[in-house]
C-alpha atoms as a PDB file:
ATOM      1  CA  MET A   1       7.161   0.273   5.514  1.00  0.00           C
ATOM      2  CA  LYS A   2       8.682  -1.298   2.408  1.00  0.00           C
ATOM      3  CA  LYS A   3      11.604  -3.622   2.921  1.00  0.00           C
ATOM      4  CA  THR A   4      13.762  -5.510   0.429  1.00  0.00           C
ATOM      5  CA  TYR A   5      13.583  -9.259   0.944  1.00  0.00           C
ATOM      6  CA  LYS A   6      15.588 -12.009  -0.680  1.00  0.00           C
ATOM      7  CA  GLY A   7      13.632 -15.049  -1.814  1.00  0.00           C
ATOM      8  CA  SER A   8      14.477 -18.425  -3.268  1.00  0.00           C
ATOM      9  CA  CYS A   9      13.361 -21.951  -3.957  1.00  0.00           C
ATOM     10  CA  HIS A  10      14.389 -24.766  -1.596  1.00  0.00           C
ATOM     11  CA  CYS A  11      17.613 -25.735  -3.399  1.00  0.00           C
ATOM     12  CA  GLY A  12      18.624 -22.104  -4.027  1.00  0.00           C
ATOM     13  CA  ALA A  13      18.831 -22.354  -7.818  1.00  0.00           C
ATOM     14  CA  VAL A  14      16.063 -19.728  -8.232  1.00  0.00           C
ATOM     15  CA  ARG A  15      16.722 -16.435  -6.421  1.00  0.00           C
ATOM     16  CA  TYR A  16      15.131 -12.992  -6.433  1.00  0.00           C
ATOM     17  CA  GLU A  17      14.638  -9.789  -4.455  1.00  0.00           C
ATOM     18  CA  ALA A  18      11.298  -8.118  -3.810  1.00  0.00           C
ATOM     19  CA  ASP A  19      10.383  -4.816  -2.173  1.00  0.00           C
ATOM     20  CA  LEU A  20       7.367  -5.529   0.046  1.00  0.00           C
ATOM     21  CA  ASP A  21       5.432  -3.934   2.850  1.00  0.00           C
ATOM     22  CA  LEU A  22       4.001  -6.988   4.596  1.00  0.00           C
ATOM     23  CA  SER A  23       2.069  -4.770   7.001  1.00  0.00           C
ATOM     24  CA  GLN A  24      -0.093  -3.778   4.003  1.00  0.00           C
ATOM     25  CA  GLY A  25      -1.320  -7.336   3.716  1.00  0.00           C
ATOM     26  CA  THR A  26      -0.974 -10.637   1.951  1.00  0.00           C
ATOM     27  CA  PHE A  27      -3.563 -12.996   0.550  1.00  0.00           C
ATOM     28  CA  LYS A  28      -4.693 -16.574   0.288  1.00  0.00           C
ATOM     29  CA  CYS A  29      -6.969 -17.817  -2.458  1.00  0.00           C
ATOM     30  CA  ASN A  30      -9.423 -20.715  -2.709  1.00  0.00           C
ATOM     31  CA  CYS A  31      -8.810 -21.575  -6.378  1.00  0.00           C
ATOM     32  CA  SER A  32      -7.904 -25.187  -7.103  1.00  0.00           C
ATOM     33  CA  ILE A  33      -4.114 -24.755  -7.257  1.00  0.00           C
ATOM     34  CA  CYS A  34      -3.850 -22.386  -4.286  1.00  0.00           C
ATOM     35  CA  THR A  35      -5.988 -24.684  -2.152  1.00  0.00           C
ATOM     36  CA  LYS A  36      -3.968 -27.779  -3.052  1.00  0.00           C
ATOM     37  CA  THR A  37      -0.618 -26.051  -2.416  1.00  0.00           C
ATOM     38  CA  ARG A  38      -1.737 -23.873   0.531  1.00  0.00           C
ATOM     39  CA  THR A  39      -0.362 -20.810  -1.235  1.00  0.00           C
ATOM     40  CA  TRP A  40       0.255 -17.554   0.685  1.00  0.00           C
ATOM     41  CA  LEU A  41       1.077 -14.575  -1.524  1.00  0.00           C
ATOM     42  CA  ALA A  42       1.906 -10.898  -1.706  1.00  0.00           C
ATOM     43  CA  THR A  43       1.883  -9.046  -5.005  1.00  0.00           C
ATOM     44  CA  VAL A  44       4.295  -6.406  -6.241  1.00  0.00           C
ATOM     45  CA  PRO A  45       4.617  -4.349  -9.419  1.00  0.00           C
ATOM     46  CA  PRO A  46       7.512  -5.116 -11.805  1.00  0.00           C
ATOM     47  CA  ASN A  47       9.656  -2.273 -10.448  1.00  0.00           C
ATOM     48  CA  SER A  48       9.595  -3.952  -6.990  1.00  0.00           C
ATOM     49  CA  PHE A  49      10.882  -7.321  -8.230  1.00  0.00           C
ATOM     50  CA  ARG A  50      14.403  -8.267  -9.317  1.00  0.00           C
ATOM     51  CA  PHE A  51      15.157 -11.729 -10.654  1.00  0.00           C
ATOM     52  CA  LEU A  52      18.695 -12.661  -9.588  1.00  0.00           C
ATOM     53  CA  ALA A  53      19.349 -16.213 -10.765  1.00  0.00           C
ATOM     54  CA  GLY A  54      17.812 -19.369 -12.122  1.00  0.00           C
ATOM     55  CA  SER A  55      15.835 -18.545 -15.259  1.00  0.00           C
ATOM     56  CA  ALA A  56      17.034 -21.807 -16.865  1.00  0.00           C
ATOM     57  CA  ASP A  57      15.945 -23.657 -13.695  1.00  0.00           C
ATOM     58  CA  LEU A  58      12.292 -22.555 -13.903  1.00  0.00           C
ATOM     59  CA  THR A  59       9.404 -24.496 -15.353  1.00  0.00           C
ATOM     60  CA  GLU A  60       5.984 -22.972 -15.959  1.00  0.00           C
ATOM     61  CA  TYR A  61       2.489 -24.277 -15.367  1.00  0.00           C
ATOM     62  CA  GLN A  62      -0.682 -22.568 -16.597  1.00  0.00           C
ATOM     63  CA  PHE A  63      -4.315 -23.597 -16.500  1.00  0.00           C
ATOM     64  CA  ASN A  64      -7.845 -22.249 -16.980  1.00  0.00           C
ATOM     65  CA  THR A  65      -7.575 -18.646 -18.296  1.00  0.00           C
ATOM     66  CA  LYS A  66      -3.761 -18.887 -18.504  1.00  0.00           C
ATOM     67  CA  ASN A  67      -3.398 -15.364 -17.092  1.00  0.00           C
ATOM     68  CA  ILE A  68      -1.133 -16.508 -14.273  1.00  0.00           C
ATOM     69  CA  HIS A  69       2.309 -17.990 -14.881  1.00  0.00           C
ATOM     70  CA  HIS A  70       2.905 -20.472 -12.059  1.00  0.00           C
ATOM     71  CA  LEU A  71       6.672 -20.938 -11.978  1.00  0.00           C
ATOM     72  CA  PHE A  72       8.540 -23.634 -10.111  1.00  0.00           C
ATOM     73  CA  CYS A  73      12.108 -24.867  -9.811  1.00  0.00           C
ATOM     74  CA  LYS A  74      12.669 -27.929 -11.979  1.00  0.00           C
ATOM     75  CA  HIS A  75      15.127 -29.308  -9.398  1.00  0.00           C
ATOM     76  CA  CYS A  76      13.325 -29.002  -6.052  1.00  0.00           C
ATOM     77  CA  GLY A  77       9.774 -28.271  -7.253  1.00  0.00           C
ATOM     78  CA  VAL A  78       9.253 -25.193  -5.067  1.00  0.00           C
ATOM     79  CA  ARG A  79       7.097 -22.350  -6.383  1.00  0.00           C
ATOM     80  CA  SER A  80       8.761 -19.242  -4.946  1.00  0.00           C
ATOM     81  CA  PHE A  81       7.084 -16.679  -7.221  1.00  0.00           C
ATOM     82  CA  GLY A  82       4.961 -16.305 -10.313  1.00  0.00           C
ATOM     83  CA  TRP A  83       3.600 -13.503 -12.428  1.00  0.00           C
ATOM     84  CA  GLY A  84       0.463 -12.444 -14.176  1.00  0.00           C
ATOM     85  CA  GLU A  85      -1.414  -9.703 -15.949  1.00  0.00           C
ATOM     86  CA  GLY A  86      -4.257  -7.893 -14.247  1.00  0.00           C
ATOM     87  CA  PRO A  87      -6.373  -4.802 -14.927  1.00  0.00           C
ATOM     88  CA  GLU A  88      -3.495  -2.614 -13.712  1.00  0.00           C
ATOM     89  CA  GLY A  89      -0.814  -4.438 -15.747  1.00  0.00           C
ATOM     90  CA  LYS A  90       1.864  -6.970 -14.959  1.00  0.00           C
ATOM     91  CA  PHE A  91       2.454  -8.074 -11.370  1.00  0.00           C
ATOM     92  CA  TYR A  92       4.610 -10.567  -9.523  1.00  0.00           C
ATOM     93  CA  ALA A  93       3.095 -12.896  -6.937  1.00  0.00           C
ATOM     94  CA  ILE A  94       5.612 -13.623  -4.196  1.00  0.00           C
ATOM     95  CA  HIS A  95       5.219 -16.744  -2.060  1.00  0.00           C
ATOM     96  CA  VAL A  96       5.909 -15.138   1.317  1.00  0.00           C
ATOM     97  CA  THR A  97       7.011 -18.445   2.845  1.00  0.00           C
ATOM     98  CA  CYS A  98       9.905 -18.452   0.332  1.00  0.00           C
ATOM     99  CA  LEU A  99      11.340 -15.185   1.633  1.00  0.00           C
ATOM    100  CA  ASP A 100      14.693 -16.192   3.099  1.00  0.00           C
ATOM    101  CA  ASP A 101      15.179 -13.248   5.423  1.00  0.00           C
ATOM    102  CA  VAL A 102      11.625 -12.614   6.637  1.00  0.00           C
ATOM    103  CA  GLU A 103      11.112 -12.618  10.397  1.00  0.00           C
ATOM    104  CA  ILE A 104       8.383 -14.920  11.703  1.00  0.00           C
ATOM    105  CA  ALA A 105       6.889 -11.944  13.562  1.00  0.00           C
ATOM    106  CA  GLU A 106       6.516 -10.110  10.235  1.00  0.00           C
ATOM    107  CA  LEU A 107       4.473 -13.003   8.831  1.00  0.00           C
ATOM    108  CA  ILE A 108       2.406 -13.329  12.012  1.00  0.00           C
ATOM    109  CA  ASN A 109       1.578  -9.613  11.948  1.00  0.00           C
ATOM    110  CA  SER A 110       0.848  -9.430   8.220  1.00  0.00           C
ATOM    111  CA  PRO A 111      -2.894  -9.138   7.562  1.00  0.00           C
ATOM    112  CA  ILE A 112      -4.266 -11.903   5.327  1.00  0.00           C
ATOM    113  CA  ASN A 113      -7.032 -11.236   2.823  1.00  0.00           C
ATOM    114  CA  TYR A 114      -8.907 -14.371   1.728  1.00  0.00           C
ATOM    115  CA  VAL A 115     -10.180 -14.139  -1.857  1.00  0.00           C
ATOM    116  CA  ASP A 116     -12.611 -16.188  -3.947  1.00  0.00           C
ATOM    117  CA  GLY A 117     -10.446 -17.175  -6.904  1.00  0.00           C
ATOM    118  CA  ARG A 118     -12.393 -20.412  -7.312  1.00  0.00           C
ATOM    119  CA  HIS A 119     -15.267 -18.357  -8.761  1.00  0.00           C
ATOM    120  CA  ASN A 120     -13.104 -15.592 -10.312  1.00  0.00           C
ATOM    121  CA  ASN A 121     -14.595 -13.224  -7.753  1.00  0.00           C
ATOM    122  CA  TRP A 122     -11.363 -11.610  -6.579  1.00  0.00           C
ATOM    123  CA  GLN A 123     -13.057  -8.734  -4.743  1.00  0.00           C
ATOM    124  CA  SER A 124     -15.160 -11.053  -2.603  1.00  0.00           C
ATOM    125  CA  SER A 125     -13.935 -12.164   0.812  1.00  0.00           C
ATOM    126  CA  LEU A 126     -14.455 -15.723   1.945  1.00  0.00           C
ATOM    127  CA  ILE A 127     -16.532 -16.699   4.954  1.00  0.00           C
ATOM    128  CA  GLU A 128     -14.961 -20.140   5.510  1.00  0.00           C
ATOM    129  CA  ILE A 129     -11.160 -19.980   5.593  1.00  0.00           C
ATOM    130  CA  GLN A 130      -9.952 -22.673   7.995  1.00  0.00           C
ATOM    131  CA  TYR A 131      -9.019 -25.033   5.153  1.00  0.00           C
ATOM    132  CA  LEU A 132      -6.718 -22.456   3.588  1.00  0.00           C
END
């Protein structure tokens, strides 16, 4: 069931709301940046994301195909969300560990899909996942 969560960076300068159904799953990726930052994400369409504060506090990082906008707070460095363009249009990638009001049980019970972003093979599941 969808629930509205509040999310933020560590210092609270960047804040947003996102409508998510964590029981529908989250994902971890093995691309270079996700591996190095141990990223854990859920994606939502634009109508399920509301930016509340901190646009002037965000800095962007892009690499490789530059399809994904990796955003982080210029004060505390935390990446609480980002956005990108996919085959179905724009999406927001929510860092589920930055949801302020998520219950630990919700994260524990959320299925995790492990994807092969390292080889741009997003539909392929990974066999080895312990390092993620």
